[in-house]
Protein backbone atom coordinates (compact mmCIF):
# COMPACT_ATOMS: atom_id res chain seq x y z
CA MET A 1 17.75 11.93 6.19
CA ASP A 2 14.85 12.42 8.81
CA VAL A 3 14.73 8.05 9.34
CA MET A 4 16.10 4.89 8.19
CA ALA A 5 14.62 2.13 8.64
CA LEU A 6 14.54 -1.88 7.34
CA GLY A 7 11.38 -2.50 6.13
CA PRO A 8 9.60 -5.92 6.00
CA LYS A 9 11.56 -7.62 3.73
CA GLY A 10 15.05 -6.06 4.42
CA GLU A 11 14.82 -3.23 2.14
CA ILE A 12 15.88 0.54 3.30
CA TRP A 13 13.91 2.63 3.44
CA VAL A 14 14.15 6.30 4.34
CA ILE A 15 11.58 8.44 5.20
CA GLU A 16 11.94 12.89 5.18
CA CYS A 17 9.77 14.28 7.22
CA LYS A 18 7.86 17.89 6.23
CA SER A 19 5.83 19.94 8.17
CA SER A 20 4.41 22.27 6.25
CA ARG A 21 5.13 23.87 2.42
CA ALA A 22 7.73 25.84 3.44
CA ASP A 23 9.72 22.87 4.85
CA PHE A 24 9.25 20.68 1.78
CA GLN A 25 10.17 23.04 -0.64
CA SER A 26 12.85 24.92 0.78
CA ASP A 27 14.48 21.01 0.56
CA HIS A 28 16.26 21.16 -1.52
CA LYS A 29 18.42 17.81 -1.43
CA TRP A 30 15.62 14.61 -0.47
CA GLN A 31 16.45 13.32 -4.17
CA GLU A 32 19.65 12.79 -3.03
CA TYR A 33 18.83 10.55 -0.31
CA LEU A 34 17.19 8.05 -3.58
CA GLU A 35 20.87 6.67 -4.20
CA TRP A 36 20.88 5.11 -1.04
CA CYS A 37 18.02 3.59 -0.30
CA ASP A 38 15.15 0.85 -1.56
CA ARG A 39 11.68 2.94 -0.63
CA PHE A 40 11.56 6.42 -0.20
CA PHE A 41 8.91 7.90 1.90
CA TRP A 42 7.60 10.63 2.75
CA ALA A 43 6.18 11.21 6.14
CA VAL A 44 3.39 14.48 7.33
CA ASP A 45 0.46 15.48 9.17
CA ALA A 46 -2.67 15.44 7.62
CA ASP A 47 -3.59 18.81 6.96
CA PHE A 48 -0.24 18.77 4.76
CA PRO A 49 -1.10 19.56 0.97
CA VAL A 50 0.11 16.18 -0.07
CA ASP A 51 -0.14 17.53 -3.80
CA LEU A 52 3.22 18.40 -3.46
CA LEU A 53 4.32 15.32 -2.88
CA PRO A 54 5.74 13.24 -5.81
CA ASP A 55 3.64 10.27 -7.13
CA ASP A 56 6.59 7.86 -7.40
CA THR A 57 7.36 8.28 -3.16
CA GLY A 58 5.67 6.42 -0.73
CA LEU A 59 3.55 8.55 1.51
CA ILE A 60 3.13 8.07 5.74
CA ILE A 61 0.05 10.34 7.53
CA ALA A 62 1.54 10.60 10.77
CA ASP A 63 0.42 12.62 14.32
CA ALA A 64 2.11 12.35 17.79
CA TYR A 65 -0.07 9.41 18.45
CA ASP A 66 0.20 7.08 15.55
CA ALA A 67 1.52 6.57 11.43
CA GLU A 68 0.00 4.80 8.94
CA LEU A 69 1.33 4.14 5.06
CA VAL A 70 -0.41 5.75 2.98
CA ARG A 71 0.90 4.72 -0.44
CA MET A 72 4.07 1.94 -0.56
CA ALA A 73 6.85 3.69 -2.38
CA PRO A 74 7.98 1.80 -5.35
CA GLU A 75 10.82 0.05 -5.48
CA ASP A 76 14.08 0.51 -6.53
CA LYS A 77 16.79 -1.88 -5.72
CA LEU A 78 19.94 -0.80 -4.65
CA ALA A 79 23.28 -2.23 -6.15
CA PRO A 80 25.15 -5.48 -3.67
CA ALA A 81 28.31 -3.51 -2.27
CA ARG A 82 25.97 -0.95 -1.41
CA ARG A 83 23.31 -2.71 0.25
CA LYS A 84 26.09 -4.36 2.00
CA VAL A 85 27.66 -1.03 3.34
CA MET A 86 24.40 0.52 4.05
CA ILE A 87 23.77 -2.23 7.00
CA GLN A 88 26.72 -3.04 7.74
CA LYS A 89 26.34 1.10 8.99
CA PHE A 90 22.88 0.78 9.95
CA ALA A 91 23.44 -2.51 11.79
CA ARG A 92 26.42 -0.01 13.74
CA HIS A 93 24.75 2.72 14.41
CA ALA A 94 21.88 0.72 16.42
CA ALA A 95 24.31 -1.56 18.62
CA LEU A 96 26.29 1.85 19.33
CA ARG A 97 22.24 3.48 19.85
CA ALA A 98 21.74 0.23 22.30
CA HIS A 99 24.63 0.69 23.72
CA ALA A 100 24.43 4.72 25.07
CA ALA A 101 21.27 3.74 26.06
CA ARG A 102 22.38 0.86 28.94
CA ASP A 103 25.58 3.00 30.09
CA PRO A 104 24.23 7.10 29.07
CA GLY A 105 27.89 7.69 29.98
CA SER A 106 29.98 5.73 27.88
CA THR A 107 31.52 7.57 24.56
CA VAL A 108 32.45 3.78 23.34
CA GLY A 109 32.83 4.38 19.24
CA TYR A 110 31.54 8.38 19.21
């Protein structure tokens, strides 16, 4: 997965970035991510052929400067136990990245 984020209501969002038709058609693993998130999105540029993307997923159109949520992904809630694990992993990873940004020479947690 390219990006994992927390939505405004604490949902786990997975965002898969695609650069071209060939990039999308060669990716056979994206469906494996569905069981690990509440909402699944594609992020593509304005020239991407969006008719290739499944209608039951979210859509973000982005460029180097901005992004727009074009279609909200349907919610498929995670089981509570899986949600807890995912939130804990997300928080730990975020904390380690913040620590590494403040102390670039540190190898704590990696």
